[in-house]
Amino acid sequence: MVLPHSVKVASVDFSLWLYSLKFSRTILSFGKIQIQYSTWLLF
């Protein structure tokens, strides 16, 4: 069975989304640190 192209793209997007969910907390905390550091530099 050959899957349509849209289904393949959707499955890839879904796996990427799951992968990013695993590291979202790390990315968010790192982003907060970056924002705090840049605001500290600005002000």
C-alpha atoms as a PDB file:
ATOM      1  CA  MET A   1       0.000   0.000   0.000  1.00  0.00           C
ATOM      2  CA  VAL A   2       1.463   3.310  -1.090  1.00  0.00           C
ATOM      3  CA  LEU A   3       0.683   6.192   1.220  1.00  0.00           C
ATOM      4  CA  PRO A   4      -0.230   9.575  -0.220  1.00  0.00           C
ATOM      5  CA  HIS A   5       2.403  12.252   0.067  1.00  0.00           C
ATOM      6  CA  SER A   6       0.309  14.276   2.523  1.00  0.00           C
ATOM      7  CA  VAL A   7       0.061  11.311   4.886  1.00  0.00           C
ATOM      8  CA  LYS A   8       3.830  10.846   4.810  1.00  0.00           C
ATOM      9  CA  VAL A   9       4.384  14.531   5.563  1.00  0.00           C
ATOM     10  CA  ALA A  10       1.828  14.421   8.375  1.00  0.00           C
ATOM     11  CA  SER A  11       3.491  11.407   9.995  1.00  0.00           C
ATOM     12  CA  VAL A  12       6.908  13.077   9.762  1.00  0.00           C
ATOM     13  CA  ASP A  13       5.484  16.282  11.261  1.00  0.00           C
ATOM     14  CA  PHE A  14       3.891  14.257  14.062  1.00  0.00           C
ATOM     15  CA  SER A  15       7.119  12.437  14.921  1.00  0.00           C
ATOM     16  CA  LEU A  16       9.012  15.724  14.865  1.00  0.00           C
ATOM     17  CA  TRP A  17       6.354  17.209  17.139  1.00  0.00           C
ATOM     18  CA  LEU A  18       6.707  14.323  19.602  1.00  0.00           C
ATOM     19  CA  TYR A  19      10.473  14.673  19.454  1.00  0.00           C
ATOM     20  CA  SER A  20      10.273  18.393  20.172  1.00  0.00           C
ATOM     21  CA  LEU A  21       7.831  17.789  23.027  1.00  0.00           C
ATOM     22  CA  LYS A  22      10.462  15.699  24.808  1.00  0.00           C
ATOM     23  CA  PHE A  23      12.926  18.581  24.772  1.00  0.00           C
ATOM     24  CA  SER A  24      10.445  21.462  25.029  1.00  0.00           C
ATOM     25  CA  ARG A  25      11.086  21.982  28.742  1.00  0.00           C
ATOM     26  CA  THR A  26      14.835  22.114  28.236  1.00  0.00           C
ATOM     27  CA  ILE A  27      14.439  24.507  25.308  1.00  0.00           C
ATOM     28  CA  LEU A  28      11.992  26.684  27.240  1.00  0.00           C
ATOM     29  CA  SER A  29      14.204  26.922  30.314  1.00  0.00           C
ATOM     30  CA  PHE A  30      17.202  27.698  28.118  1.00  0.00           C
ATOM     31  CA  GLY A  31      15.159  30.341  26.303  1.00  0.00           C
ATOM     32  CA  LYS A  32      14.171  31.916  29.609  1.00  0.00           C
ATOM     33  CA  ILE A  33      17.809  32.083  30.654  1.00  0.00           C
ATOM     34  CA  GLN A  34      18.720  33.640  27.309  1.00  0.00           C
ATOM     35  CA  ILE A  35      15.916  36.217  27.627  1.00  0.00           C
ATOM     36  CA  GLN A  36      16.905  37.105  31.191  1.00  0.00           C
ATOM     37  CA  TYR A  37      20.546  37.419  30.167  1.00  0.00           C
ATOM     38  CA  SER A  38      19.777  39.611  27.154  1.00  0.00           C
ATOM     39  CA  THR A  39      17.446  41.870  29.154  1.00  0.00           C
ATOM     40  CA  TRP A  40      20.109  42.156  31.838  1.00  0.00           C
ATOM     41  CA  LEU A  41      22.559  43.239  29.146  1.00  0.00           C
ATOM     42  CA  LEU A  42      20.087  45.759  27.729  1.00  0.00           C
ATOM     43  CA  PHE A  43      19.054  47.348  31.016  1.00  0.00           C
END
